[in-house]
Amino acid sequence: MRPDRPTLIYDGECGFCEQSVELLRRWDREHRLATLPFQDEAGVAAFGIPLPALAAAMHLVRPDGRVFAGADAAPEILRLLPGKRWLAWWFRIPGVLPVARRVYGRIARQRRCLVRGYGAH
């Protein structure tokens, strides 16, 4: 199944992730982005992405079937948002994406303790 618009799959049990997705929803005035917690097993099953991968990082699935995970999804998401497209340009600067991947990985590993007060499993 291919979505009719880009779909962001995220951790719906992570307070940090929920707050981030809520911010994206406010920025997405044109409703270009669908959001789906990976805990919605029926919803995510159609995308064919293994659950451990979904638990490890956010995934953006484009209608054309391309999938972007973690920090690689960030510039793709920004390109979809009115008034935020210019921010995606920063990811083209040499070295920015590798640093973003390291920062994202660190946050993803510790995301539960960032908001909920306990470490990720």
PDB file of N, CA and C in Angstrom:
ATOM      1  N   MET A   1       0.832  -1.188   0.000  1.00  0.00           N
ATOM      2  CA  MET A   1       0.000   0.000   0.000  1.00  0.00           C
ATOM      3  C   MET A   1       0.872   1.244   0.000  1.00  0.00           C
ATOM      4  N   ARG A   2       0.535   2.185  -0.814  1.00  0.00           N
ATOM      5  CA  ARG A   2       1.241   3.455  -0.844  1.00  0.00           C
ATOM      6  C   ARG A   2       0.312   4.528  -0.298  1.00  0.00           C
ATOM      7  N   PRO A   3       0.846   5.378   0.582  1.00  0.00           N
ATOM      8  CA  PRO A   3       0.014   6.456   1.120  1.00  0.00           C
ATOM      9  C   PRO A   3      -0.268   7.502   0.050  1.00  0.00           C
ATOM     10  N   ASP A   4      -1.362   8.237   0.221  1.00  0.00           N
ATOM     11  CA  ASP A   4      -1.682   9.296  -0.742  1.00  0.00           C
ATOM     12  C   ASP A   4      -0.941  10.592  -0.432  1.00  0.00           C
ATOM     13  N   ARG A   5      -0.313  10.657   0.744  1.00  0.00           N
ATOM     14  CA  ARG A   5       0.542  11.785   1.102  1.00  0.00           C
ATOM     15  C   ARG A   5       1.667  11.259   1.978  1.00  0.00           C
ATOM     16  N   PRO A   6       2.748  12.003   2.105  1.00  0.00           N
ATOM     17  CA  PRO A   6       3.850  11.527   2.947  1.00  0.00           C
ATOM     18  C   PRO A   6       3.350  11.209   4.363  1.00  0.00           C
ATOM     19  N   THR A   7       3.844  10.102   4.904  1.00  0.00           N
ATOM     20  CA  THR A   7       3.420   9.656   6.231  1.00  0.00           C
ATOM     21  C   THR A   7       4.624   9.552   7.143  1.00  0.00           C
ATOM     22  N   LEU A   8       4.526  10.202   8.296  1.00  0.00           N
ATOM     23  CA  LEU A   8       5.573  10.145   9.302  1.00  0.00           C
ATOM     24  C   LEU A   8       5.164   9.121  10.354  1.00  0.00           C
ATOM     25  N   ILE A   9       5.981   8.084  10.502  1.00  0.00           N
ATOM     26  CA  ILE A   9       5.744   7.051  11.503  1.00  0.00           C
ATOM     27  C   ILE A   9       6.694   7.337  12.669  1.00  0.00           C
ATOM     28  N   TYR A  10       6.140   7.406  13.876  1.00  0.00           N
ATOM     29  CA  TYR A  10       6.920   7.829  15.040  1.00  0.00           C
ATOM     30  C   TYR A  10       6.513   7.009  16.264  1.00  0.00           C
ATOM     31  N   ASP A  11       7.218   7.225  17.369  1.00  0.00           N
ATOM     32  CA  ASP A  11       6.932   6.522  18.619  1.00  0.00           C
ATOM     33  C   ASP A  11       5.838   7.267  19.372  1.00  0.00           C
ATOM     34  N   GLY A  12       4.656   6.718  19.379  1.00  0.00           N
ATOM     35  CA  GLY A  12       3.514   7.347  20.033  1.00  0.00           C
ATOM     36  C   GLY A  12       3.522   7.234  21.542  1.00  0.00           C
ATOM     37  N   GLU A  13       4.484   6.515  22.100  1.00  0.00           N
ATOM     38  CA  GLU A  13       4.588   6.396  23.554  1.00  0.00           C
ATOM     39  C   GLU A  13       5.740   7.234  24.110  1.00  0.00           C
ATOM     40  N   CYS A  14       6.349   8.011  23.271  1.00  0.00           N
ATOM     41  CA  CYS A  14       7.478   8.854  23.664  1.00  0.00           C
ATOM     42  C   CYS A  14       6.990  10.293  23.757  1.00  0.00           C
ATOM     43  N   GLY A  15       7.101  10.880  24.936  1.00  0.00           N
ATOM     44  CA  GLY A  15       6.658  12.254  25.115  1.00  0.00           C
ATOM     45  C   GLY A  15       7.403  13.230  24.230  1.00  0.00           C
ATOM     46  N   PHE A  16       8.712  13.042  24.081  1.00  0.00           N
ATOM     47  CA  PHE A  16       9.526  13.904  23.223  1.00  0.00           C
ATOM     48  C   PHE A  16       9.035  13.805  21.778  1.00  0.00           C
ATOM     49  N   CYS A  17       8.762  12.587  21.337  1.00  0.00           N
ATOM     50  CA  CYS A  17       8.291  12.366  19.963  1.00  0.00           C
ATOM     51  C   CYS A  17       6.909  12.988  19.765  1.00  0.00           C
ATOM     52  N   GLU A  18       6.024  12.797  20.739  1.00  0.00           N
ATOM     53  CA  GLU A  18       4.677  13.367  20.658  1.00  0.00           C
ATOM     54  C   GLU A  18       4.735  14.885  20.570  1.00  0.00           C
ATOM     55  N   GLN A  19       5.593  15.506  21.380  1.00  0.00           N
ATOM     56  CA  GLN A  19       5.720  16.962  21.346  1.00  0.00           C
ATOM     57  C   GLN A  19       6.261  17.431  20.003  1.00  0.00           C
ATOM     58  N   SER A  20       7.218  16.682  19.459  1.00  0.00           N
ATOM     59  CA  SER A  20       7.795  17.033  18.158  1.00  0.00           C
ATOM     60  C   SER A  20       6.756  16.912  17.049  1.00  0.00           C
ATOM     61  N   VAL A  21       5.964  15.853  17.079  1.00  0.00           N
ATOM     62  CA  VAL A  21       4.931  15.655  16.063  1.00  0.00           C
ATOM     63  C   VAL A  21       3.850  16.724  16.196  1.00  0.00           C
ATOM     64  N   GLU A  22       3.508  17.100  17.412  1.00  0.00           N
ATOM     65  CA  GLU A  22       2.522  18.170  17.613  1.00  0.00           C
ATOM     66  C   GLU A  22       3.016  19.481  17.010  1.00  0.00           C
ATOM     67  N   LEU A  23       4.310  19.775  17.166  1.00  0.00           N
ATOM     68  CA  LEU A  23       4.890  20.965  16.548  1.00  0.00           C
ATOM     69  C   LEU A  23       4.790  20.881  15.023  1.00  0.00           C
ATOM     70  N   LEU A  24       5.117  19.720  14.467  1.00  0.00           N
ATOM     71  CA  LEU A  24       5.013  19.536  13.013  1.00  0.00           C
ATOM     72  C   LEU A  24       3.579  19.740  12.543  1.00  0.00           C
ATOM     73  N   ARG A  25       2.622  19.241  13.297  1.00  0.00           N
ATOM     74  CA  ARG A  25       1.211  19.414  12.914  1.00  0.00           C
ATOM     75  C   ARG A  25       0.828  20.901  12.889  1.00  0.00           C
ATOM     76  N   ARG A  26       1.326  21.670  13.845  1.00  0.00           N
ATOM     77  CA  ARG A  26       1.031  23.111  13.853  1.00  0.00           C
ATOM     78  C   ARG A  26       1.666  23.799  12.647  1.00  0.00           C
ATOM     79  N   TRP A  27       2.887  23.377  12.300  1.00  0.00           N
ATOM     80  CA  TRP A  27       3.566  23.959  11.148  1.00  0.00           C
ATOM     81  C   TRP A  27       2.932  23.541   9.827  1.00  0.00           C
ATOM     82  N   ASP A  28       2.287  22.395   9.796  1.00  0.00           N
ATOM     83  CA  ASP A  28       1.727  21.812   8.571  1.00  0.00           C
ATOM     84  C   ASP A  28       0.332  22.376   8.288  1.00  0.00           C
ATOM     85  N   ARG A  29       0.280  23.651   7.977  1.00  0.00           N
ATOM     86  CA  ARG A  29      -1.002  24.330   7.757  1.00  0.00           C
ATOM     87  C   ARG A  29      -1.756  23.783   6.545  1.00  0.00           C
ATOM     88  N   GLU A  30      -1.050  23.194   5.605  1.00  0.00           N
ATOM     89  CA  GLU A  30      -1.684  22.670   4.388  1.00  0.00           C
ATOM     90  C   GLU A  30      -1.973  21.172   4.479  1.00  0.00           C
ATOM     91  N   HIS A  31      -1.720  20.583   5.619  1.00  0.00           N
ATOM     92  CA  HIS A  31      -1.988  19.156   5.865  1.00  0.00           C
ATOM     93  C   HIS A  31      -1.344  18.255   4.814  1.00  0.00           C
ATOM     94  N   ARG A  32      -0.071  18.506   4.573  1.00  0.00           N
ATOM     95  CA  ARG A  32       0.680  17.713   3.599  1.00  0.00           C
ATOM     96  C   ARG A  32       1.238  16.430   4.187  1.00  0.00           C
ATOM     97  N   LEU A  33       1.278  16.352   5.502  1.00  0.00           N
ATOM     98  CA  LEU A  33       1.939  15.249   6.185  1.00  0.00           C
ATOM     99  C   LEU A  33       0.937  14.475   7.050  1.00  0.00           C
ATOM    100  N   ALA A  34       0.874  13.176   6.833  1.00  0.00           N
ATOM    101  CA  ALA A  34       0.090  12.310   7.722  1.00  0.00           C
ATOM    102  C   ALA A  34       1.030  11.800   8.808  1.00  0.00           C
ATOM    103  N   THR A  35       0.508  11.579   9.999  1.00  0.00           N
ATOM    104  CA  THR A  35       1.317  11.053  11.090  1.00  0.00           C
ATOM    105  C   THR A  35       0.676   9.787  11.624  1.00  0.00           C
ATOM    106  N   LEU A  36       1.533   8.851  12.041  1.00  0.00           N
ATOM    107  CA  LEU A  36       1.059   7.551  12.478  1.00  0.00           C
ATOM    108  C   LEU A  36       2.016   6.990  13.528  1.00  0.00           C
ATOM    109  N   PRO A  37       1.529   6.726  14.746  1.00  0.00           N
ATOM    110  CA  PRO A  37       2.413   6.101  15.730  1.00  0.00           C
ATOM    111  C   PRO A  37       2.698   4.655  15.335  1.00  0.00           C
ATOM    112  N   PHE A  38       3.931   4.199  15.555  1.00  0.00           N
ATOM    113  CA  PHE A  38       4.251   2.830  15.158  1.00  0.00           C
ATOM    114  C   PHE A  38       3.507   1.806  16.007  1.00  0.00           C
ATOM    115  N   GLN A  39       2.925   2.242  17.107  1.00  0.00           N
ATOM    116  CA  GLN A  39       2.145   1.328  17.940  1.00  0.00           C
ATOM    117  C   GLN A  39       0.813   0.958  17.284  1.00  0.00           C
ATOM    118  N   ASP A  40       0.407   1.665  16.249  1.00  0.00           N
ATOM    119  CA  ASP A  40      -0.793   1.331  15.482  1.00  0.00           C
ATOM    120  C   ASP A  40      -0.417   0.203  14.522  1.00  0.00           C
ATOM    121  N   GLU A  41      -0.437  -1.014  15.041  1.00  0.00           N
ATOM    122  CA  GLU A  41       0.064  -2.169  14.284  1.00  0.00           C
ATOM    123  C   GLU A  41      -0.621  -2.347  12.941  1.00  0.00           C
ATOM    124  N   ALA A  42      -1.929  -2.179  12.903  1.00  0.00           N
ATOM    125  CA  ALA A  42      -2.653  -2.348  11.637  1.00  0.00           C
ATOM    126  C   ALA A  42      -2.239  -1.270  10.634  1.00  0.00           C
ATOM    127  N   GLY A  43      -2.089  -0.048  11.117  1.00  0.00           N
ATOM    128  CA  GLY A  43      -1.715   1.050  10.231  1.00  0.00           C
ATOM    129  C   GLY A  43      -0.316   0.914   9.667  1.00  0.00           C
ATOM    130  N   VAL A  44       0.642   0.527  10.502  1.00  0.00           N
ATOM    131  CA  VAL A  44       2.026   0.442  10.026  1.00  0.00           C
ATOM    132  C   VAL A  44       2.308  -0.840   9.261  1.00  0.00           C
ATOM    133  N   ALA A  45       1.501  -1.858   9.448  1.00  0.00           N
ATOM    134  CA  ALA A  45       1.724  -3.133   8.744  1.00  0.00           C
ATOM    135  C   ALA A  45       1.736  -2.936   7.232  1.00  0.00           C
ATOM    136  N   ALA A  46       0.921  -2.033   6.762  1.00  0.00           N
ATOM    137  CA  ALA A  46       0.813  -1.801   5.318  1.00  0.00           C
ATOM    138  C   ALA A  46       2.103  -1.245   4.720  1.00  0.00           C
ATOM    139  N   PHE A  47       2.973  -0.663   5.546  1.00  0.00           N
ATOM    140  CA  PHE A  47       4.203  -0.073   5.037  1.00  0.00           C
ATOM    141  C   PHE A  47       5.338  -1.087   4.923  1.00  0.00           C
ATOM    142  N   GLY A  48       5.230  -2.215   5.619  1.00  0.00           N
ATOM    143  CA  GLY A  48       6.235  -3.272   5.504  1.00  0.00           C
ATOM    144  C   GLY A  48       7.581  -2.950   6.121  1.00  0.00           C
ATOM    145  N   ILE A  49       7.616  -2.025   7.057  1.00  0.00           N
ATOM    146  CA  ILE A  49       8.867  -1.679   7.735  1.00  0.00           C
ATOM    147  C   ILE A  49       8.931  -2.486   9.026  1.00  0.00           C
ATOM    148  N   PRO A  50      10.029  -3.192   9.281  1.00  0.00           N
ATOM    149  CA  PRO A  50      10.117  -4.022  10.493  1.00  0.00           C
ATOM    150  C   PRO A  50       9.950  -3.190  11.773  1.00  0.00           C
ATOM    151  N   LEU A  51       9.257  -3.747  12.740  1.00  0.00           N
ATOM    152  CA  LEU A  51       8.989  -3.062  14.002  1.00  0.00           C
ATOM    153  C   LEU A  51      10.253  -2.585  14.709  1.00  0.00           C
ATOM    154  N   PRO A  52      11.343  -3.377  14.770  1.00  0.00           N
ATOM    155  CA  PRO A  52      12.555  -2.853  15.423  1.00  0.00           C
ATOM    156  C   PRO A  52      13.086  -1.573  14.764  1.00  0.00           C
ATOM    157  N   ALA A  53      12.979  -1.476  13.454  1.00  0.00           N
ATOM    158  CA  ALA A  53      13.417  -0.266  12.761  1.00  0.00           C
ATOM    159  C   ALA A  53      12.517   0.913  13.126  1.00  0.00           C
ATOM    160  N   LEU A  54      11.208   0.669  13.199  1.00  0.00           N
ATOM    161  CA  LEU A  54      10.276   1.725  13.570  1.00  0.00           C
ATOM    162  C   LEU A  54      10.493   2.189  15.003  1.00  0.00           C
ATOM    163  N   ALA A  55      10.849   1.248  15.877  1.00  0.00           N
ATOM    164  CA  ALA A  55      11.094   1.593  17.282  1.00  0.00           C
ATOM    165  C   ALA A  55      12.393   2.383  17.438  1.00  0.00           C
ATOM    166  N   ALA A  56      13.311   2.215  16.518  1.00  0.00           N
ATOM    167  CA  ALA A  56      14.627   2.863  16.624  1.00  0.00           C
ATOM    168  C   ALA A  56      14.638   4.290  16.099  1.00  0.00           C
ATOM    169  N   ALA A  57      13.765   4.614  15.138  1.00  0.00           N
ATOM    170  CA  ALA A  57      13.818   5.943  14.514  1.00  0.00           C
ATOM    171  C   ALA A  57      12.504   6.257  13.820  1.00  0.00           C
ATOM    172  N   MET A  58      12.239   7.562  13.686  1.00  0.00           N
ATOM    173  CA  MET A  58      11.079   7.971  12.897  1.00  0.00           C
ATOM    174  C   MET A  58      11.332   7.593  11.439  1.00  0.00           C
ATOM    175  N   HIS A  59      10.253   7.377  10.715  1.00  0.00           N
ATOM    176  CA  HIS A  59      10.344   7.049   9.294  1.00  0.00           C
ATOM    177  C   HIS A  59       9.353   7.914   8.526  1.00  0.00           C
ATOM    178  N   LEU A  60       9.827   8.507   7.446  1.00  0.00           N
ATOM    179  CA  LEU A  60       8.958   9.227   6.539  1.00  0.00           C
ATOM    180  C   LEU A  60       8.809   8.377   5.287  1.00  0.00           C
ATOM    181  N   VAL A  61       7.570   8.028   4.961  1.00  0.00           N
ATOM    182  CA  VAL A  61       7.286   7.226   3.769  1.00  0.00           C
ATOM    183  C   VAL A  61       6.609   8.137   2.757  1.00  0.00           C
ATOM    184  N   ARG A  62       7.248   8.291   1.604  1.00  0.00           N
ATOM    185  CA  ARG A  62       6.706   9.141   0.541  1.00  0.00           C
ATOM    186  C   ARG A  62       5.720   8.335  -0.299  1.00  0.00           C
ATOM    187  N   PRO A  63       4.772   9.001  -0.947  1.00  0.00           N
ATOM    188  CA  PRO A  63       3.808   8.284  -1.801  1.00  0.00           C
ATOM    189  C   PRO A  63       4.474   7.476  -2.916  1.00  0.00           C
ATOM    190  N   ASP A  64       5.680   7.880  -3.336  1.00  0.00           N
ATOM    191  CA  ASP A  64       6.370   7.138  -4.395  1.00  0.00           C
ATOM    192  C   ASP A  64       7.112   5.910  -3.860  1.00  0.00           C
ATOM    193  N   GLY A  65       6.991   5.648  -2.544  1.00  0.00           N
ATOM    194  CA  GLY A  65       7.605   4.463  -1.951  1.00  0.00           C
ATOM    195  C   GLY A  65       8.945   4.705  -1.292  1.00  0.00           C
ATOM    196  N   ARG A  66       9.549   5.881  -1.492  1.00  0.00           N
ATOM    197  CA  ARG A  66      10.825   6.160  -0.834  1.00  0.00           C
ATOM    198  C   ARG A  66      10.616   6.293   0.668  1.00  0.00           C
ATOM    199  N   VAL A  67      11.606   5.789   1.419  1.00  0.00           N
ATOM    200  CA  VAL A  67      11.542   5.824   2.879  1.00  0.00           C
ATOM    201  C   VAL A  67      12.795   6.511   3.405  1.00  0.00           C
ATOM    202  N   PHE A  68      12.603   7.437   4.322  1.00  0.00           N
ATOM    203  CA  PHE A  68      13.700   8.157   4.967  1.00  0.00           C
ATOM    204  C   PHE A  68      13.569   7.938   6.464  1.00  0.00           C
ATOM    205  N   ALA A  69      14.670   7.583   7.116  1.00  0.00           N
ATOM    206  CA  ALA A  69      14.619   7.286   8.550  1.00  0.00           C
ATOM    207  C   ALA A  69      15.529   8.220   9.328  1.00  0.00           C
ATOM    208  N   GLY A  70      15.141   8.486  10.574  1.00  0.00           N
ATOM    209  CA  GLY A  70      15.960   9.281  11.470  1.00  0.00           C
ATOM    210  C   GLY A  70      16.238  10.666  10.928  1.00  0.00           C
ATOM    211  N   ALA A  71      17.478  11.112  11.060  1.00  0.00           N
ATOM    212  CA  ALA A  71      17.869  12.458  10.622  1.00  0.00           C
ATOM    213  C   ALA A  71      17.694  12.641   9.117  1.00  0.00           C
ATOM    214  N   ASP A  72      17.756  11.562   8.357  1.00  0.00           N
ATOM    215  CA  ASP A  72      17.560  11.664   6.904  1.00  0.00           C
ATOM    216  C   ASP A  72      16.135  12.095   6.562  1.00  0.00           C
ATOM    217  N   ALA A  73      15.195  11.868   7.486  1.00  0.00           N
ATOM    218  CA  ALA A  73      13.809  12.282   7.262  1.00  0.00           C
ATOM    219  C   ALA A  73      13.614  13.774   7.499  1.00  0.00           C
ATOM    220  N   ALA A  74      14.452  14.380   8.325  1.00  0.00           N
ATOM    221  CA  ALA A  74      14.255  15.783   8.713  1.00  0.00           C
ATOM    222  C   ALA A  74      14.193  16.746   7.530  1.00  0.00           C
ATOM    223  N   PRO A  75      15.174  16.743   6.606  1.00  0.00           N
ATOM    224  CA  PRO A  75      15.062  17.701   5.494  1.00  0.00           C
ATOM    225  C   PRO A  75      13.871  17.405   4.585  1.00  0.00           C
ATOM    226  N   GLU A  76      13.524  16.144   4.469  1.00  0.00           N
ATOM    227  CA  GLU A  76      12.354  15.779   3.659  1.00  0.00           C
ATOM    228  C   GLU A  76      11.073  16.323   4.284  1.00  0.00           C
ATOM    229  N   ILE A  77      10.973  16.242   5.597  1.00  0.00           N
ATOM    230  CA  ILE A  77       9.810  16.774   6.310  1.00  0.00           C
ATOM    231  C   ILE A  77       9.764  18.290   6.155  1.00  0.00           C
ATOM    232  N   LEU A  78      10.895  18.949   6.342  1.00  0.00           N
ATOM    233  CA  LEU A  78      10.941  20.406   6.239  1.00  0.00           C
ATOM    234  C   LEU A  78      10.522  20.889   4.855  1.00  0.00           C
ATOM    235  N   ARG A  79      10.882  20.144   3.814  1.00  0.00           N
ATOM    236  CA  ARG A  79      10.501  20.535   2.443  1.00  0.00           C
ATOM    237  C   ARG A  79       8.989  20.519   2.249  1.00  0.00           C
ATOM    238  N   LEU A  80       8.287  19.757   3.073  1.00  0.00           N
ATOM    239  CA  LEU A  80       6.831  19.651   2.954  1.00  0.00           C
ATOM    240  C   LEU A  80       6.089  20.776   3.659  1.00  0.00           C
ATOM    241  N   LEU A  81       6.751  21.459   4.581  1.00  0.00           N
ATOM    242  CA  LEU A  81       6.071  22.400   5.460  1.00  0.00           C
ATOM    243  C   LEU A  81       6.143  23.836   4.953  1.00  0.00           C
ATOM    244  N   PRO A  82       4.995  24.457   4.772  1.00  0.00           N
ATOM    245  CA  PRO A  82       4.976  25.858   4.333  1.00  0.00           C
ATOM    246  C   PRO A  82       5.774  26.728   5.304  1.00  0.00           C
ATOM    247  N   GLY A  83       6.624  27.569   4.769  1.00  0.00           N
ATOM    248  CA  GLY A  83       7.413  28.466   5.589  1.00  0.00           C
ATOM    249  C   GLY A  83       8.637  27.843   6.229  1.00  0.00           C
ATOM    250  N   LYS A  84       8.813  26.537   6.078  1.00  0.00           N
ATOM    251  CA  LYS A  84       9.955  25.848   6.693  1.00  0.00           C
ATOM    252  C   LYS A  84      10.876  25.224   5.643  1.00  0.00           C
ATOM    253  N   ARG A  85      10.501  25.304   4.389  1.00  0.00           N
ATOM    254  CA  ARG A  85      11.288  24.666   3.319  1.00  0.00           C
ATOM    255  C   ARG A  85      12.732  25.153   3.302  1.00  0.00           C
ATOM    256  N   TRP A  86      12.928  26.416   3.603  1.00  0.00           N
ATOM    257  CA  TRP A  86      14.276  26.986   3.577  1.00  0.00           C
ATOM    258  C   TRP A  86      15.195  26.307   4.583  1.00  0.00           C
ATOM    259  N   LEU A  87      14.647  25.768   5.672  1.00  0.00           N
ATOM    260  CA  LEU A  87      15.468  25.096   6.673  1.00  0.00           C
ATOM    261  C   LEU A  87      16.108  23.810   6.136  1.00  0.00           C
ATOM    262  N   ALA A  88      15.459  23.184   5.160  1.00  0.00           N
ATOM    263  CA  ALA A  88      16.001  21.956   4.573  1.00  0.00           C
ATOM    264  C   ALA A  88      17.341  22.219   3.884  1.00  0.00           C
ATOM    265  N   TRP A  89      17.534  23.439   3.423  1.00  0.00           N
ATOM    266  CA  TRP A  89      18.787  23.799   2.744  1.00  0.00           C
ATOM    267  C   TRP A  89      19.996  23.539   3.629  1.00  0.00           C
ATOM    268  N   TRP A  90      19.883  23.759   4.924  1.00  0.00           N
ATOM    269  CA  TRP A  90      21.012  23.584   5.844  1.00  0.00           C
ATOM    270  C   TRP A  90      21.572  22.160   5.794  1.00  0.00           C
ATOM    271  N   PHE A  91      20.735  21.204   5.493  1.00  0.00           N
ATOM    272  CA  PHE A  91      21.188  19.816   5.439  1.00  0.00           C
ATOM    273  C   PHE A  91      22.062  19.534   4.220  1.00  0.00           C
ATOM    274  N   ARG A  92      22.120  20.463   3.270  1.00  0.00           N
ATOM    275  CA  ARG A  92      22.985  20.302   2.092  1.00  0.00           C
ATOM    276  C   ARG A  92      24.421  20.755   2.355  1.00  0.00           C
ATOM    277  N   ILE A  93      24.637  21.456   3.428  1.00  0.00           N
ATOM    278  CA  ILE A  93      25.982  21.917   3.770  1.00  0.00           C
ATOM    279  C   ILE A  93      26.826  20.696   4.141  1.00  0.00           C
ATOM    280  N   PRO A  94      27.997  20.554   3.540  1.00  0.00           N
ATOM    281  CA  PRO A  94      28.842  19.395   3.854  1.00  0.00           C
ATOM    282  C   PRO A  94      29.073  19.257   5.367  1.00  0.00           C
ATOM    283  N   GLY A  95      28.843  18.049   5.856  1.00  0.00           N
ATOM    284  CA  GLY A  95      29.062  17.741   7.265  1.00  0.00           C
ATOM    285  C   GLY A  95      27.829  17.863   8.141  1.00  0.00           C
ATOM    286  N   VAL A  96      26.811  18.598   7.689  1.00  0.00           N
ATOM    287  CA  VAL A  96      25.632  18.807   8.537  1.00  0.00           C
ATOM    288  C   VAL A  96      24.850  17.504   8.720  1.00  0.00           C
ATOM    289  N   LEU A  97      24.597  16.771   7.650  1.00  0.00           N
ATOM    290  CA  LEU A  97      23.809  15.546   7.780  1.00  0.00           C
ATOM    291  C   LEU A  97      24.511  14.491   8.648  1.00  0.00           C
ATOM    292  N   PRO A  98      25.814  14.254   8.496  1.00  0.00           N
ATOM    293  CA  PRO A  98      26.463  13.301   9.401  1.00  0.00           C
ATOM    294  C   PRO A  98      26.362  13.707  10.873  1.00  0.00           C
ATOM    295  N   VAL A  99      26.502  14.992  11.141  1.00  0.00           N
ATOM    296  CA  VAL A  99      26.360  15.463  12.531  1.00  0.00           C
ATOM    297  C   VAL A  99      24.910  15.283  12.987  1.00  0.00           C
ATOM    298  N   ALA A 100      23.960  15.613  12.123  1.00  0.00           N
ATOM    299  CA  ALA A 100      22.544  15.445  12.460  1.00  0.00           C
ATOM    300  C   ALA A 100      22.226  13.979  12.754  1.00  0.00           C
ATOM    301  N   ARG A 101      22.826  13.067  11.999  1.00  0.00           N
ATOM    302  CA  ARG A 101      22.604  11.632  12.247  1.00  0.00           C
ATOM    303  C   ARG A 101      23.117  11.233  13.630  1.00  0.00           C
ATOM    304  N   ARG A 102      24.284  11.731  14.011  1.00  0.00           N
ATOM    305  CA  ARG A 102      24.832  11.406  15.346  1.00  0.00           C
ATOM    306  C   ARG A 102      23.955  11.989  16.448  1.00  0.00           C
ATOM    307  N   VAL A 103      23.544  13.232  16.274  1.00  0.00           N
ATOM    308  CA  VAL A 103      22.691  13.882  17.278  1.00  0.00           C
ATOM    309  C   VAL A 103      21.347  13.156  17.366  1.00  0.00           C
ATOM    310  N   TYR A 104      20.764  12.847  16.217  1.00  0.00           N
ATOM    311  CA  TYR A 104      19.484  12.128  16.206  1.00  0.00           C
ATOM    312  C   TYR A 104      19.634  10.781  16.926  1.00  0.00           C
ATOM    313  N   GLY A 105      20.688  10.052  16.615  1.00  0.00           N
ATOM    314  CA  GLY A 105      20.902   8.743  17.240  1.00  0.00           C
ATOM    315  C   GLY A 105      20.993   8.843  18.747  1.00  0.00           C
ATOM    316  N   ARG A 106      21.688   9.851  19.214  1.00  0.00           N
ATOM    317  CA  ARG A 106      21.816  10.037  20.669  1.00  0.00           C
ATOM    318  C   ARG A 106      20.465  10.367  21.297  1.00  0.00           C
ATOM    319  N   ILE A 107      19.724  11.282  20.673  1.00  0.00           N
ATOM    320  CA  ILE A 107      18.403  11.633  21.185  1.00  0.00           C
ATOM    321  C   ILE A 107      17.467  10.425  21.135  1.00  0.00           C
ATOM    322  N   ALA A 108      17.506   9.679  20.033  1.00  0.00           N
ATOM    323  CA  ALA A 108      16.621   8.520  19.896  1.00  0.00           C
ATOM    324  C   ALA A 108      16.895   7.482  20.982  1.00  0.00           C
ATOM    325  N   ARG A 109      18.154   7.285  21.324  1.00  0.00           N
ATOM    326  CA  ARG A 109      18.493   6.311  22.366  1.00  0.00           C
ATOM    327  C   ARG A 109      18.052   6.777  23.746  1.00  0.00           C
ATOM    328  N   GLN A 110      17.987   8.086  23.956  1.00  0.00           N
ATOM    329  CA  GLN A 110      17.671   8.623  25.278  1.00  0.00           C
ATOM    330  C   GLN A 110      16.331   9.352  25.317  1.00  0.00           C
ATOM    331  N   ARG A 111      15.522   9.221  24.275  1.00  0.00           N
ATOM    332  CA  ARG A 111      14.321  10.042  24.155  1.00  0.00           C
ATOM    333  C   ARG A 111      13.340   9.862  25.297  1.00  0.00           C
ATOM    334  N   ARG A 112      13.210   8.676  25.822  1.00  0.00           N
ATOM    335  CA  ARG A 112      12.236   8.480  26.894  1.00  0.00           C
ATOM    336  C   ARG A 112      12.649   9.205  28.166  1.00  0.00           C
ATOM    337  N   CYS A 113      13.933   9.222  28.468  1.00  0.00           N
ATOM    338  CA  CYS A 113      14.351   9.911  29.685  1.00  0.00           C
ATOM    339  C   CYS A 113      14.351  11.421  29.499  1.00  0.00           C
ATOM    340  N   LEU A 114      14.324  11.904  28.273  1.00  0.00           N
ATOM    341  CA  LEU A 114      14.302  13.338  28.040  1.00  0.00           C
ATOM    342  C   LEU A 114      12.980  13.956  28.490  1.00  0.00           C
ATOM    343  N   VAL A 115      11.893  13.206  28.393  1.00  0.00           N
ATOM    344  CA  VAL A 115      10.585  13.759  28.712  1.00  0.00           C
ATOM    345  C   VAL A 115       9.903  13.010  29.841  1.00  0.00           C
ATOM    346  N   ARG A 116      10.051  11.717  29.873  1.00  0.00           N
ATOM    347  CA  ARG A 116       9.296  10.909  30.815  1.00  0.00           C
ATOM    348  C   ARG A 116      10.049  10.588  32.101  1.00  0.00           C
ATOM    349  N   GLY A 117      11.345  10.819  32.118  1.00  0.00           N
ATOM    350  CA  GLY A 117      12.102  10.592  33.345  1.00  0.00           C
ATOM    351  C   GLY A 117      12.658   9.206  33.518  1.00  0.00           C
ATOM    352  N   TYR A 118      12.664   8.383  32.466  1.00  0.00           N
ATOM    353  CA  TYR A 118      13.313   7.077  32.573  1.00  0.00           C
ATOM    354  C   TYR A 118      13.954   6.728  31.255  1.00  0.00           C
ATOM    355  N   GLY A 119      14.916   5.831  31.301  1.00  0.00           N
ATOM    356  CA  GLY A 119      15.687   5.477  30.122  1.00  0.00           C
ATOM    357  C   GLY A 119      14.946   4.585  29.156  1.00  0.00           C
ATOM    358  N   ALA A 120      15.364   4.647  27.893  1.00  0.00           N
ATOM    359  CA  ALA A 120      14.795   3.776  26.861  1.00  0.00           C
ATOM    360  C   ALA A 120      15.279   2.360  27.077  1.00  0.00           C
ATOM    361  N   HIS A 121      14.492   1.417  26.624  1.00  0.00           N
ATOM    362  CA  HIS A 121      14.828  -0.004  26.778  1.00  0.00           C
ATOM    363  C   HIS A 121      15.589  -0.491  25.569  1.00  0.00           C
TER     364      HIS A 121
END
